[in-house]
N, C-alpha and C. Protein backbone atom coordinates (compact mmCIF):
# COMPACT_ATOMS: atom_id res chain seq x y z
N MET A 1 38.77 21.70 5.66
CA MET A 1 38.52 23.09 5.90
C MET A 1 39.62 23.91 5.20
N ALA A 2 39.24 24.89 4.43
CA ALA A 2 40.20 25.73 3.71
C ALA A 2 40.62 26.90 4.61
N HIS A 3 41.90 27.22 4.57
CA HIS A 3 42.46 28.34 5.33
C HIS A 3 43.08 29.34 4.38
N LYS A 4 43.05 30.58 4.76
CA LYS A 4 43.73 31.62 4.00
C LYS A 4 45.24 31.39 4.11
N PRO A 5 45.99 31.43 3.00
CA PRO A 5 47.43 31.24 3.07
C PRO A 5 48.08 32.31 3.94
N LEU A 6 49.12 31.91 4.69
CA LEU A 6 49.88 32.86 5.49
C LEU A 6 50.69 33.78 4.58
N ALA A 7 51.19 33.23 3.51
CA ALA A 7 51.96 33.95 2.50
C ALA A 7 51.84 33.11 1.24
N PRO A 8 52.24 33.63 0.08
CA PRO A 8 52.13 32.83 -1.14
C PRO A 8 52.81 31.47 -0.98
N GLY A 9 52.03 30.42 -1.15
CA GLY A 9 52.58 29.07 -1.05
C GLY A 9 52.72 28.53 0.36
N ILE A 10 52.32 29.32 1.37
CA ILE A 10 52.45 28.87 2.76
C ILE A 10 51.06 28.84 3.38
N GLY A 11 50.58 27.67 3.72
CA GLY A 11 49.27 27.54 4.35
C GLY A 11 49.40 27.07 5.78
N ILE A 12 48.32 27.13 6.52
CA ILE A 12 48.29 26.64 7.89
C ILE A 12 48.29 25.11 7.83
N THR A 13 49.17 24.49 8.58
CA THR A 13 49.30 23.05 8.57
C THR A 13 48.45 22.45 9.68
N THR A 14 47.20 22.20 9.38
CA THR A 14 46.28 21.71 10.40
C THR A 14 46.63 20.30 10.87
N GLN A 15 47.32 19.53 10.05
CA GLN A 15 47.70 18.18 10.46
C GLN A 15 48.72 18.20 11.59
N LEU A 16 49.55 19.23 11.68
CA LEU A 16 50.55 19.31 12.75
C LEU A 16 50.03 19.99 14.01
N THR A 17 48.90 20.66 13.92
CA THR A 17 48.39 21.40 15.08
C THR A 17 48.17 20.50 16.29
N PRO A 18 47.53 19.34 16.17
CA PRO A 18 47.35 18.49 17.36
C PRO A 18 48.68 18.06 17.99
N GLU A 19 49.69 17.79 17.17
CA GLU A 19 50.99 17.40 17.70
C GLU A 19 51.66 18.57 18.42
N GLY A 20 51.50 19.78 17.89
CA GLY A 20 52.06 20.96 18.55
C GLY A 20 51.42 21.20 19.90
N ILE A 21 50.11 21.06 19.97
CA ILE A 21 49.40 21.23 21.24
C ILE A 21 49.81 20.14 22.23
N ALA A 22 49.90 18.90 21.77
CA ALA A 22 50.29 17.79 22.64
C ALA A 22 51.71 17.99 23.17
N ALA A 23 52.63 18.45 22.32
CA ALA A 23 54.01 18.67 22.75
C ALA A 23 54.07 19.78 23.80
N ALA A 24 53.34 20.86 23.59
CA ALA A 24 53.34 21.96 24.56
C ALA A 24 52.79 21.48 25.90
N LYS A 25 51.68 20.76 25.87
CA LYS A 25 51.07 20.29 27.11
C LYS A 25 51.97 19.28 27.83
N ALA A 26 52.61 18.37 27.07
CA ALA A 26 53.49 17.37 27.67
C ALA A 26 54.70 18.02 28.34
N ALA A 27 55.19 19.11 27.74
CA ALA A 27 56.34 19.82 28.30
C ALA A 27 55.95 20.84 29.36
N GLY A 28 54.64 21.06 29.52
CA GLY A 28 54.17 22.03 30.49
C GLY A 28 54.29 23.47 30.02
N PHE A 29 54.35 23.69 28.70
CA PHE A 29 54.48 25.03 28.14
C PHE A 29 53.10 25.56 27.73
N PRO A 30 52.89 26.87 27.88
CA PRO A 30 51.59 27.43 27.49
C PRO A 30 51.49 27.74 26.00
N PHE A 31 52.53 27.41 25.23
CA PHE A 31 52.53 27.72 23.80
C PHE A 31 53.44 26.77 23.04
N ALA A 32 53.21 26.68 21.73
CA ALA A 32 54.07 25.92 20.82
C ALA A 32 53.83 26.47 19.42
N ALA A 33 54.84 26.35 18.56
CA ALA A 33 54.68 26.86 17.20
C ALA A 33 55.66 26.17 16.27
N VAL A 34 55.24 26.09 15.01
CA VAL A 34 56.13 25.72 13.91
C VAL A 34 56.14 26.94 13.01
N SER A 35 57.31 27.50 12.79
CA SER A 35 57.39 28.76 12.05
C SER A 35 58.09 28.60 10.72
N VAL A 36 57.73 29.48 9.81
CA VAL A 36 58.37 29.61 8.50
C VAL A 36 59.01 30.99 8.50
N VAL A 37 60.30 31.05 8.17
CA VAL A 37 61.04 32.30 8.26
C VAL A 37 61.61 32.65 6.89
N ASP A 38 61.45 33.92 6.50
CA ASP A 38 62.14 34.41 5.30
C ASP A 38 63.07 35.54 5.72
N ARG A 39 63.52 36.34 4.78
CA ARG A 39 64.50 37.39 5.10
C ARG A 39 63.98 38.44 6.07
N SER A 40 62.68 38.71 6.04
CA SER A 40 62.18 39.80 6.87
C SER A 40 60.97 39.45 7.73
N ARG A 41 60.31 38.32 7.47
CA ARG A 41 59.08 37.98 8.17
C ARG A 41 59.15 36.57 8.77
N LEU A 42 58.25 36.33 9.71
CA LEU A 42 58.09 35.02 10.31
C LEU A 42 56.60 34.73 10.37
N TRP A 43 56.20 33.57 9.88
CA TRP A 43 54.80 33.16 9.90
C TRP A 43 54.69 31.90 10.74
N LEU A 44 53.68 31.81 11.57
CA LEU A 44 53.44 30.61 12.35
C LEU A 44 52.49 29.70 11.57
N ALA A 45 53.06 28.63 11.02
CA ALA A 45 52.25 27.67 10.26
C ALA A 45 51.40 26.84 11.21
N VAL A 46 51.91 26.58 12.40
CA VAL A 46 51.19 25.90 13.46
C VAL A 46 51.32 26.78 14.70
N SER A 47 50.23 27.04 15.37
CA SER A 47 50.28 27.95 16.50
C SER A 47 49.36 27.49 17.62
N TYR A 48 49.90 27.43 18.83
CA TYR A 48 49.11 27.14 20.03
C TYR A 48 49.53 28.16 21.08
N GLY A 49 48.62 29.03 21.46
CA GLY A 49 48.92 30.03 22.48
C GLY A 49 49.53 31.31 21.94
N PHE A 50 49.58 31.48 20.63
CA PHE A 50 50.15 32.68 20.03
C PHE A 50 49.09 33.44 19.26
N ASP A 51 49.17 34.75 19.33
CA ASP A 51 48.37 35.63 18.50
C ASP A 51 49.12 36.95 18.47
N PRO A 52 49.50 37.49 17.39
CA PRO A 52 49.17 37.17 16.01
C PRO A 52 50.01 36.02 15.47
N ARG A 53 49.80 35.69 14.21
CA ARG A 53 50.52 34.59 13.56
C ARG A 53 51.62 35.07 12.64
N GLU A 54 51.84 36.37 12.56
CA GLU A 54 52.89 36.91 11.68
C GLU A 54 53.66 37.98 12.45
N PHE A 55 55.00 37.96 12.29
CA PHE A 55 55.88 38.89 12.99
C PHE A 55 56.96 39.39 12.03
N THR A 56 57.58 40.50 12.35
CA THR A 56 58.79 40.86 11.63
C THR A 56 59.90 39.98 12.18
N ARG A 57 60.82 39.58 11.35
CA ARG A 57 61.86 38.64 11.77
C ARG A 57 62.72 39.17 12.91
N PRO A 58 63.13 40.45 12.91
CA PRO A 58 63.95 40.92 14.03
C PRO A 58 63.24 40.85 15.38
N ASP A 59 61.93 40.74 15.40
CA ASP A 59 61.16 40.67 16.64
C ASP A 59 60.80 39.24 17.01
N SER A 60 61.68 38.29 16.71
CA SER A 60 61.32 36.89 16.93
C SER A 60 62.46 36.10 17.57
N PHE A 61 62.07 35.04 18.27
CA PHE A 61 63.05 34.10 18.80
C PHE A 61 63.78 33.40 17.65
N CYS A 62 63.09 33.18 16.54
CA CYS A 62 63.69 32.51 15.39
C CYS A 62 64.88 33.30 14.86
N ASP A 63 64.77 34.61 14.83
CA ASP A 63 65.89 35.42 14.35
C ASP A 63 67.10 35.23 15.26
N ALA A 64 66.88 35.19 16.57
CA ALA A 64 67.98 34.96 17.51
C ALA A 64 68.59 33.57 17.29
N ALA A 65 67.75 32.57 17.01
CA ALA A 65 68.25 31.22 16.78
C ALA A 65 69.08 31.15 15.50
N ILE A 66 68.65 31.85 14.47
CA ILE A 66 69.38 31.86 13.21
C ILE A 66 70.75 32.51 13.37
N GLN A 67 70.86 33.46 14.29
CA GLN A 67 72.12 34.19 14.51
C GLN A 67 73.15 33.39 15.32
N VAL A 68 72.75 32.27 15.93
CA VAL A 68 73.67 31.47 16.74
C VAL A 68 74.71 30.83 15.82
N PRO A 69 76.01 31.06 16.08
CA PRO A 69 77.06 30.49 15.22
C PRO A 69 77.01 28.96 15.16
N GLY A 70 77.26 28.43 13.99
CA GLY A 70 77.35 26.99 13.81
C GLY A 70 76.05 26.24 13.97
N PHE A 71 74.92 26.93 13.87
CA PHE A 71 73.60 26.29 14.00
C PHE A 71 73.44 25.55 15.32
N ALA A 72 74.12 26.04 16.36
CA ALA A 72 73.97 25.44 17.69
C ALA A 72 72.57 25.75 18.23
N PRO A 73 72.10 24.97 19.18
CA PRO A 73 70.77 25.25 19.75
C PRO A 73 70.74 26.61 20.45
N LEU A 74 69.60 27.25 20.42
CA LEU A 74 69.39 28.48 21.16
C LEU A 74 68.87 28.09 22.54
N CYS A 75 69.66 28.35 23.57
CA CYS A 75 69.26 28.01 24.94
C CYS A 75 69.07 29.30 25.72
N VAL A 76 67.88 29.50 26.23
CA VAL A 76 67.54 30.70 26.99
C VAL A 76 66.89 30.25 28.29
N ALA A 77 67.55 30.52 29.41
CA ALA A 77 67.02 30.09 30.70
C ALA A 77 65.79 30.88 31.11
N ASP A 78 65.80 32.18 30.83
CA ASP A 78 64.68 33.03 31.22
C ASP A 78 64.52 34.15 30.19
N ALA A 79 63.59 33.98 29.28
CA ALA A 79 63.40 34.96 28.19
C ALA A 79 63.03 36.34 28.72
N TRP A 80 62.38 36.41 29.89
CA TRP A 80 61.99 37.71 30.45
C TRP A 80 63.19 38.55 30.83
N THR A 81 64.32 37.89 31.20
CA THR A 81 65.51 38.64 31.61
C THR A 81 66.59 38.67 30.53
N GLU A 82 66.35 38.02 29.42
CA GLU A 82 67.33 37.96 28.33
C GLU A 82 67.30 39.26 27.52
N PRO A 83 68.42 40.03 27.50
CA PRO A 83 68.44 41.31 26.77
C PRO A 83 68.07 41.21 25.29
N ARG A 84 68.38 40.09 24.63
CA ARG A 84 68.05 39.95 23.20
C ARG A 84 66.56 40.01 22.93
N PHE A 85 65.75 39.76 23.95
CA PHE A 85 64.31 39.67 23.75
C PHE A 85 63.54 40.81 24.42
N ASN A 86 64.22 41.87 24.79
CA ASN A 86 63.53 43.02 25.41
C ASN A 86 62.42 43.56 24.52
N SER A 87 62.62 43.58 23.22
CA SER A 87 61.61 44.13 22.31
C SER A 87 60.39 43.23 22.18
N LEU A 88 60.44 42.02 22.66
CA LEU A 88 59.31 41.09 22.54
C LEU A 88 58.33 41.18 23.72
N ARG A 89 58.71 41.92 24.73
CA ARG A 89 57.83 42.02 25.90
C ARG A 89 56.57 42.79 25.56
N PRO A 90 55.44 42.35 26.15
CA PRO A 90 54.17 43.05 25.89
C PRO A 90 54.16 44.45 26.48
């Protein structure tokens, strides 16, 4: 099945979609994603539970993860109460 590219050279990775769904379900999460990030945008190459599939980078968890010094993991106990993610609330 052919998909419209997310961006030039970036297509939806249908081979990873089942693994993303399985990982989300195994962890008990309602969503999972594999994202591609550039200087200003974020595209979800694999998406389960997300809509839309494209975001501005400052409005993403990925941007917060990239900002963590030393490439340490981004650990967020409760994203609803985390000030860095206030702009992501519906």
